[in-house]
Protein backbone atom coordinates (compact mmCIF):
# COMPACT_ATOMS: atom_id res chain seq x y z
CA MET A 1 142.81 6.53 117.74
CA ASN A 2 139.69 6.20 115.56
CA VAL A 3 139.99 8.07 112.26
CA TYR A 4 136.25 8.78 112.18
CA ASP A 5 136.34 10.35 115.59
CA CYS A 6 139.29 12.49 114.48
CA ALA A 7 137.39 13.54 111.32
CA ASN A 8 134.45 14.60 113.45
CA ASP A 9 136.78 16.46 115.79
CA LEU A 10 138.30 18.25 112.81
CA ALA A 11 134.86 19.19 111.53
CA LYS A 12 133.99 20.58 114.94
CA ALA A 13 137.29 22.50 115.14
CA LEU A 14 136.66 23.97 111.69
CA LYS A 15 133.18 25.09 112.68
CA GLU A 16 134.57 26.75 115.83
CA SER A 17 137.61 28.27 114.08
CA HIS A 18 138.25 31.97 114.14
CA GLU A 19 138.62 31.94 110.36
CA LEU A 20 135.17 30.49 109.76
CA LYS A 21 133.55 32.81 112.31
CA LYS A 22 135.11 35.83 110.62
CA LEU A 23 134.06 34.59 107.22
CA LYS A 24 130.45 34.16 108.33
CA GLU A 25 130.45 37.64 109.95
CA ALA A 26 131.87 39.20 106.81
CA LYS A 27 129.27 37.39 104.69
CA VAL A 28 126.43 38.82 106.75
CA GLU A 29 127.77 42.33 106.12
CA LEU A 30 128.38 41.66 102.47
CA LYS A 31 124.81 40.40 101.95
CA LYS A 32 123.55 43.85 102.95
CA ASP A 33 124.82 45.29 99.69
CA PRO A 34 124.00 43.24 96.53
CA LYS A 35 126.42 45.29 94.38
CA SER A 36 129.27 44.54 96.74
CA GLU A 37 128.33 40.89 96.81
CA GLU A 38 128.34 40.77 93.02
CA LEU A 39 131.74 42.49 92.94
CA VAL A 40 133.15 39.88 95.34
CA ASN A 41 131.65 36.99 93.41
CA ASP A 42 133.16 38.27 90.19
CA PHE A 43 136.53 38.73 91.88
CA ILE A 44 136.58 35.24 93.40
CA LYS A 45 135.45 33.60 90.17
CA LEU A 46 138.19 35.35 88.24
CA TYR A 47 140.71 34.58 90.97
CA TYR A 48 139.98 30.88 90.57
CA GLU A 49 140.05 31.04 86.77
CA ILE A 50 143.49 32.69 86.79
CA GLY A 51 144.76 30.37 89.53
CA PHE A 52 143.56 27.29 87.62
CA ALA A 53 145.19 28.48 84.37
CA LYS A 54 148.49 29.02 86.22
CA TYR A 55 148.19 25.58 87.88
CA GLN A 56 147.88 24.03 84.41
CA ASN A 57 150.84 26.08 83.16
CA GLN A 58 148.62 27.93 80.73
CA GLU A 59 149.20 31.52 79.76
CA VAL A 60 146.82 33.84 81.54
CA ASP A 61 144.74 36.04 79.24
CA LYS A 62 145.75 39.67 79.46
CA GLU A 63 142.11 40.75 79.54
CA LYS A 64 141.54 38.61 82.63
CA GLU A 65 144.61 40.08 84.32
CA GLU A 66 143.38 43.61 83.56
CA LYS A 67 139.90 42.82 84.81
CA MET A 68 141.42 41.37 88.00
CA GLN A 69 143.36 44.59 88.54
CA LYS A 70 140.20 46.67 88.10
CA LEU A 71 138.24 44.45 90.46
CA SER A 72 141.06 44.64 93.01
CA SER A 73 140.95 48.43 92.84
CA LEU A 74 137.21 48.48 93.28
CA LEU A 75 137.42 46.04 96.17
CA SER A 76 139.94 48.22 97.99
CA LEU A 77 137.34 51.03 98.02
CA ASN A 78 134.67 48.84 99.56
CA MET A 79 135.12 47.92 103.22
CA ALA A 80 132.58 45.09 103.34
CA ALA A 81 133.92 43.53 100.13
CA THR A 82 137.50 43.88 101.32
CA GLU A 83 136.74 42.27 104.67
CA TYR A 84 134.91 39.40 103.06
CA VAL A 85 137.67 38.69 100.55
CA ASN A 86 140.33 38.84 103.28
CA ALA A 87 138.31 36.47 105.51
CA PHE A 88 137.65 34.19 102.51
CA MET A 89 141.38 34.03 101.65
CA ARG A 90 142.34 33.30 105.28
CA PHE A 91 139.75 30.50 105.43
CA GLN A 92 140.96 29.12 102.08
CA MET A 93 144.55 29.17 103.31
CA MET A 94 143.57 27.26 106.48
CA MET A 95 141.64 24.69 104.41
CA GLY A 96 144.61 24.35 102.07
CA ASP A 97 146.91 23.59 105.01
CA VAL A 98 144.49 20.96 106.32
CA ASN A 99 144.15 19.36 102.90
CA LYS A 100 147.93 19.37 102.46
CA ALA A 101 148.39 17.49 105.73
CA ILE A 102 145.89 14.84 104.66
CA GLU A 103 147.29 14.72 101.14
CA ASP A 104 150.80 14.09 102.49
CA VAL A 105 149.57 11.05 104.46
CA VAL A 106 147.73 9.69 101.38
CA LYS A 107 150.81 10.17 99.17
CA GLU A 108 152.93 8.34 101.75
CA ALA A 109 150.42 5.47 101.90
CA VAL A 110 150.30 4.99 98.12
CA GLY A 111 154.07 5.37 97.75
CA GLU A 112 154.34 8.63 95.87
């Protein structure tokens, strides 16, 4: 088994995945409304900021948490934004699982 062939097969599988197809479809719809797109971008940026702070065991700023709640409420009222965020999260989850599988092999190889 050639690792490079497997990597290319993985790339092809990712391109053909249901998750990526849904994400691309949702992005097309989201692009039709710049305000919705801005809302989603703000939400995702804040989502990563809060997640990174938690990952580093830092206390999350109350203002950021409140802003995240407000953005979540606004997102729930916007079908295109909600569909994009859901598709984005599903895609991110899939990519996290793929990365975890690779990371486990690397950890085993280096003895961690």
